């Protein structure tokens, strides 16, 4: 029957065995890649089917073909890739197939790049354990973005996987973040500060990163008082108007401590047949700025 065929196809898609990595990337290895590449750029793989170059429309898997070209073109200039699951899930079964093929391609061709699944999961413990199994066992990504709102037992299942990272939402770059993240309690502690203070006891700086938006400016000083050694995943540079120089001035550590993400500004640098070359040029421009900053900091 049609329903049985769909079930079998979905099962094969979701639980296909990816080639296991030979190593897991720890904090020191991530820093070494940053020093080697002279870059702390993370390229966000957010492929909107409606924005893909027209000449890819007839491809068997347009999203994957787009991603593959972007990945191969930008890999020399970045240390990380961050596929956002919303852009794949919105396409149903074929979107999941594109996501899996994307991870497989990075693993096979760029094995030293750090893969972050931007899925923002987090639920009661047994549900979080299933999310963790999906992303860390079946899909074999390095890190997963997680929402902290439900507290410790919703986060710790993700920390049960040796060598895998949790990227916890802290102070995001969207306008609505002011609704909750900046609110103060009776002692004057803001909610994002409580997230940083409390969650740092769940996993050390070798297991956990925090999301802090690039538009936050000097707020990075407050973040660093509570998380002085953690890596920060920083979205918002480029299309959202965040300043790379300001992020580094207030947020960089002696081990860099930053993965700065750019999505639209790189992957949509051109909508023509030269989209991959344009993405490479945009990534190289950011990498050159990062190299100057790293050199100035003696890193």
Protein backbone atom coordinates (compact mmCIF):
# COMPACT_ATOMS: atom_id res chain seq x y z
CA UNK A 1 0.00 0.00 0.00
CA UNK A 2 1.02 3.63 -0.38
CA UNK A 3 1.13 4.17 3.39
CA UNK A 4 3.40 1.15 3.84
CA UNK A 5 5.74 2.38 1.12
CA UNK A 6 5.93 5.80 2.73
CA UNK A 7 6.64 4.23 6.12
CA UNK A 8 9.47 2.10 4.71
CA UNK A 9 10.94 5.04 2.83
CA UNK A 10 10.81 7.26 5.90
CA UNK A 11 12.42 4.56 8.05
CA UNK A 12 15.25 4.10 5.58
CA UNK A 13 15.71 7.84 5.33
CA UNK A 14 15.78 8.63 9.02
CA UNK A 15 17.74 5.68 10.29
CA UNK A 16 20.28 5.17 7.53
CA UNK A 17 23.65 4.42 9.08
CA UNK A 18 26.13 7.18 8.48
CA UNK A 19 29.83 6.44 8.19
CA UNK A 20 31.20 6.66 11.76
CA UNK A 21 33.78 9.32 12.46
CA UNK A 22 37.23 8.15 13.41
CA UNK A 23 37.60 10.91 15.99
CA UNK A 24 35.42 13.25 18.02
CA UNK A 25 36.29 16.93 18.08
CA UNK A 26 37.15 18.19 21.55
CA UNK A 27 37.70 21.79 22.54
CA UNK A 28 41.44 21.77 21.92
CA UNK A 29 41.00 20.20 18.49
CA UNK A 30 38.42 22.82 17.56
CA UNK A 31 40.85 25.56 18.59
CA UNK A 32 43.61 23.92 16.55
CA UNK A 33 41.37 23.96 13.48
CA UNK A 34 40.69 27.65 14.09
CA UNK A 35 44.41 28.39 14.25
CA UNK A 36 45.14 26.24 11.21
CA UNK A 37 42.38 27.78 9.07
CA UNK A 38 42.85 31.30 10.50
CA UNK A 39 39.08 31.31 10.78
CA UNK A 40 36.30 30.82 13.29
CA UNK A 41 33.57 31.03 10.67
CA UNK A 42 30.52 28.77 10.80
CA UNK A 43 28.54 28.66 7.56
CA UNK A 44 24.82 28.27 8.13
CA UNK A 45 23.19 25.89 5.67
CA UNK A 46 19.66 27.32 5.48
CA UNK A 47 18.47 26.34 1.99
CA UNK A 48 15.03 27.75 1.26
CA UNK A 49 13.62 25.78 -1.69
CA UNK A 50 11.98 28.94 -3.00
CA UNK A 51 15.28 30.86 -3.08
CA UNK A 52 17.52 28.29 -4.75
CA UNK A 53 19.12 29.19 -8.09
CA UNK A 54 16.70 28.45 -10.91
CA UNK A 55 19.07 26.13 -12.74
CA UNK A 56 18.90 23.64 -9.82
CA UNK A 57 15.13 23.20 -10.12
CA UNK A 58 15.42 20.11 -12.31
CA UNK A 59 17.95 18.34 -10.09
CA UNK A 60 16.85 15.15 -8.35
CA UNK A 61 17.62 16.76 -4.96
CA UNK A 62 17.96 20.54 -5.42
CA UNK A 63 18.61 21.24 -1.73
CA UNK A 64 21.45 18.75 -1.52
CA UNK A 65 22.98 19.92 -4.81
CA UNK A 66 22.87 23.49 -3.50
CA UNK A 67 24.38 22.46 -0.16
CA UNK A 68 27.10 20.33 -1.73
CA UNK A 69 28.27 23.19 -3.92
CA UNK A 70 28.18 25.66 -1.00
CA UNK A 71 30.03 23.26 1.31
CA UNK A 72 32.80 22.45 -1.15
CA UNK A 73 33.25 26.11 -2.09
CA UNK A 74 33.35 27.50 1.46
CA UNK A 75 35.11 24.67 3.31
CA UNK A 76 38.59 26.26 2.93
CA UNK A 77 37.38 29.36 4.76
CA UNK A 78 35.33 27.96 7.66
CA UNK A 79 35.68 25.47 10.50
CA UNK A 80 32.03 24.60 10.98
CA UNK A 81 28.74 24.06 9.16
CA UNK A 82 25.34 24.61 10.79
CA UNK A 83 22.32 23.19 8.97
CA UNK A 84 19.09 24.62 10.39
CA UNK A 85 16.56 21.79 10.60
CA UNK A 86 13.57 24.02 9.84
CA UNK A 87 14.72 24.41 6.24
CA UNK A 88 14.77 20.62 5.82
CA UNK A 89 11.75 19.59 7.89
CA UNK A 90 9.59 22.05 5.94
CA UNK A 91 10.12 19.83 2.88
CA UNK A 92 8.95 16.65 4.58
CA UNK A 93 10.56 13.32 3.71
CA UNK A 94 12.67 14.71 0.87
CA UNK A 95 13.98 17.43 3.20
CA UNK A 96 15.16 14.83 5.71
CA UNK A 97 16.88 12.98 2.86
CA UNK A 98 18.62 16.21 1.87
CA UNK A 99 19.74 16.80 5.45
CA UNK A 100 21.14 13.27 5.81
CA UNK A 101 22.97 13.50 2.49
CA UNK A 102 24.38 16.87 3.56
CA UNK A 103 25.81 15.46 6.80
CA UNK A 104 27.20 12.44 4.94
CA UNK A 105 28.88 14.69 2.40
CA UNK A 106 30.57 16.79 5.07
CA UNK A 107 31.71 13.69 6.94
CA UNK A 108 33.14 12.04 3.81
CA UNK A 109 34.78 15.07 2.22
CA UNK A 110 35.47 17.56 5.01
CA UNK A 111 35.91 15.39 8.12
CA UNK A 112 37.60 18.09 10.20
CA UNK A 113 34.65 20.45 10.04
CA UNK A 114 32.44 20.74 13.12
CA UNK A 115 28.77 20.02 12.35
CA UNK A 116 26.08 21.74 14.42
CA UNK A 117 22.47 20.67 13.94
CA UNK A 118 20.45 23.79 14.66
CA UNK A 119 17.27 22.12 15.85
CA UNK A 120 16.63 23.83 19.20
CA UNK A 121 15.33 20.68 20.86
CA UNK A 122 14.49 20.23 24.53
CA UNK A 123 11.64 18.47 26.32
CA UNK A 124 11.01 16.23 29.34
CA UNK A 125 13.83 13.81 29.99
CA UNK A 126 12.70 10.73 28.10
CA UNK A 127 11.77 12.83 25.05
CA UNK A 128 15.09 14.65 25.12
CA UNK A 129 16.80 11.27 25.28
CA UNK A 130 15.11 10.35 22.00
CA UNK A 131 16.15 13.62 20.39
CA UNK A 132 19.70 12.96 21.59
CA UNK A 133 19.64 9.47 20.12
CA UNK A 134 18.40 10.83 16.79
CA UNK A 135 21.07 13.47 16.38
CA UNK A 136 24.05 11.89 18.12
CA UNK A 137 23.62 8.21 17.25
CA UNK A 138 21.67 8.07 14.00
CA UNK A 139 22.75 11.34 12.41
CA UNK A 140 26.19 11.65 14.06
CA UNK A 141 26.44 15.43 14.22
CA UNK A 142 28.95 17.02 16.58
CA UNK A 143 26.59 19.40 18.34
CA UNK A 144 22.94 20.26 18.78
CA UNK A 145 21.27 23.52 19.76
CA UNK A 146 19.07 23.02 22.83
CA UNK A 147 16.51 25.21 24.57
CA UNK A 148 17.05 25.55 28.36
CA UNK A 149 13.55 26.66 29.38
CA UNK A 150 12.49 23.29 30.84
CA UNK A 151 15.56 23.01 33.04
CA UNK A 152 18.27 20.51 33.89
CA UNK A 153 16.49 17.22 33.24
CA UNK A 154 15.59 18.40 29.72
CA UNK A 155 19.24 19.14 28.90
CA UNK A 156 21.31 16.44 30.62
CA UNK A 157 20.21 13.62 28.23
CA UNK A 158 22.13 15.43 25.51
CA UNK A 159 25.22 15.49 27.72
CA UNK A 160 25.29 11.70 28.08
CA UNK A 161 27.17 11.31 24.80
CA UNK A 162 30.93 11.51 25.18
CA UNK A 163 32.50 13.88 22.70
CA UNK A 164 29.20 15.47 21.69
CA UNK A 165 28.34 19.09 22.40
CA UNK A 166 25.26 20.92 23.63
CA UNK A 167 24.80 24.46 22.31
CA UNK A 168 22.45 26.09 24.80
CA UNK A 169 20.38 29.15 23.96
CA UNK A 170 21.39 32.06 26.18
CA UNK A 171 21.07 35.58 24.72
CA UNK A 172 19.74 35.40 21.18
CA UNK A 173 19.76 38.12 18.53
CA UNK A 174 16.05 38.30 17.67
CA UNK A 175 13.90 41.25 18.75
CA UNK A 176 11.54 39.05 20.80
CA UNK A 177 14.39 37.88 23.02
CA UNK A 178 13.76 40.99 25.09
CA UNK A 179 10.42 39.54 26.18
CA UNK A 180 12.08 37.04 28.52
CA UNK A 181 15.86 36.86 28.31
CA UNK A 182 16.51 40.37 29.64
CA UNK A 183 13.93 40.34 32.43
CA UNK A 184 15.35 40.69 35.95
CA UNK A 185 14.44 38.91 39.16
CA UNK A 186 14.19 40.56 42.57
CA UNK A 187 18.00 40.45 42.95
CA UNK A 188 18.58 42.08 39.57
CA UNK A 189 19.79 38.93 37.82
CA UNK A 190 18.64 38.74 34.22
CA UNK A 191 17.19 35.48 32.94
CA UNK A 192 20.00 34.84 30.45
CA UNK A 193 22.49 35.31 33.29
CA UNK A 194 20.68 32.72 35.38
CA UNK A 195 20.76 30.32 32.42
CA UNK A 196 24.53 30.77 32.17
CA UNK A 197 25.15 30.50 35.91
CA UNK A 198 22.98 27.46 36.57
CA UNK A 199 23.71 25.49 33.40
CA UNK A 200 27.48 25.79 33.78
CA UNK A 201 27.17 23.17 36.53
CA UNK A 202 25.55 20.69 34.11
CA UNK A 203 28.40 20.51 31.61
CA UNK A 204 31.83 22.08 31.51
CA UNK A 205 33.33 24.23 28.77
CA UNK A 206 34.49 21.08 26.98
CA UNK A 207 30.89 19.88 26.53
CA UNK A 208 28.75 22.96 26.28
CA UNK A 209 28.58 26.11 24.17
CA UNK A 210 26.18 29.02 24.39
CA UNK A 211 24.27 30.92 21.72
CA UNK A 212 24.84 34.66 22.05
CA UNK A 213 23.64 36.91 19.25
CA UNK A 214 26.12 39.18 17.48
CA UNK A 215 23.80 42.15 17.92
CA UNK A 216 24.39 42.08 21.69
CA UNK A 217 27.58 44.17 21.61
CA UNK A 218 28.95 44.87 25.07
CA UNK A 219 26.59 42.30 26.56
CA UNK A 220 29.36 39.84 25.69
CA UNK A 221 31.25 41.27 28.67
CA UNK A 222 28.44 40.14 30.96
CA UNK A 223 28.37 36.73 29.29
CA UNK A 224 32.10 36.31 29.75
CA UNK A 225 31.90 37.09 33.47
CA UNK A 226 29.70 33.99 33.86
CA UNK A 227 31.12 31.84 31.06
CA UNK A 228 34.76 32.91 30.73
CA UNK A 229 36.02 29.84 28.89
CA UNK A 230 33.03 28.43 27.01
CA UNK A 231 32.80 28.60 23.24
CA UNK A 232 30.01 30.86 22.04
CA UNK A 233 28.03 30.25 18.87
CA UNK A 234 27.34 33.73 17.52
CA UNK A 235 24.63 34.24 14.89
CA UNK A 236 23.69 37.63 13.52
CA UNK A 237 26.87 38.80 11.76
CA UNK A 238 26.10 39.93 8.22
CA UNK A 239 22.45 39.99 7.23
CA UNK A 240 21.28 40.70 10.79
CA UNK A 241 23.73 43.59 11.22
CA UNK A 242 26.00 42.30 13.97
CA UNK A 243 29.56 43.63 14.13
CA UNK A 244 32.36 41.06 13.91
CA UNK A 245 34.84 43.51 15.38
CA UNK A 246 32.59 44.22 18.38
CA UNK A 247 31.89 40.53 18.98
CA UNK A 248 35.61 39.80 19.07
CA UNK A 249 36.49 42.80 21.21
CA UNK A 250 34.15 41.75 24.00
CA UNK A 251 33.76 38.01 23.45
CA UNK A 252 37.07 36.51 22.29
CA UNK A 253 39.18 34.45 24.71
CA UNK A 254 42.76 33.17 24.66
CA UNK A 255 41.40 30.08 22.90
CA UNK A 256 39.29 32.19 20.53
CA UNK A 257 36.08 30.88 22.14
CA UNK A 258 33.90 31.95 19.22
CA UNK A 259 32.14 30.31 16.31
CA UNK A 260 30.64 33.16 14.32
CA UNK A 261 27.83 32.05 12.04
CA UNK A 262 26.85 33.60 8.75
CA UNK A 263 24.05 32.11 6.67
CA UNK A 264 22.21 34.35 4.21
CA UNK A 265 25.16 36.65 3.64
CA UNK A 266 27.18 33.73 2.27
CA UNK A 267 24.85 31.12 0.79
CA UNK A 268 22.71 33.69 -1.04
CA UNK A 269 25.56 35.90 -2.24
CA UNK A 270 24.33 35.14 -5.76
CA UNK A 271 21.21 33.52 -7.19
CA UNK A 272 22.82 32.69 -10.53
CA UNK A 273 24.90 29.83 -11.83
CA UNK A 274 27.89 31.37 -10.03
CA UNK A 275 26.24 30.98 -6.59
CA UNK A 276 28.99 28.71 -5.23
CA UNK A 277 31.79 30.99 -6.41
CA UNK A 278 29.99 33.98 -4.90
CA UNK A 279 29.57 32.11 -1.62
CA UNK A 280 33.27 31.27 -1.59
CA UNK A 281 34.17 34.92 -2.15
CA UNK A 282 31.86 36.04 0.66
CA UNK A 283 33.26 33.40 3.03
CA UNK A 284 36.82 34.30 2.10
CA UNK A 285 36.13 37.96 2.88
CA UNK A 286 34.93 37.06 6.38
CA UNK A 287 37.85 34.65 6.87
CA UNK A 288 40.35 37.35 5.97
CA UNK A 289 38.85 39.66 8.58
CA UNK A 290 39.00 36.85 11.12
CA UNK A 291 42.63 36.10 10.27
CA UNK A 292 43.55 39.72 10.96
CA UNK A 293 41.75 39.63 14.30
CA UNK A 294 43.38 36.34 15.33
CA UNK A 295 46.82 37.66 14.43
CA UNK A 296 46.22 40.88 16.33
CA UNK A 297 45.27 38.82 19.38
CA UNK A 298 48.40 36.66 19.06
CA UNK A 299 46.41 33.52 18.27
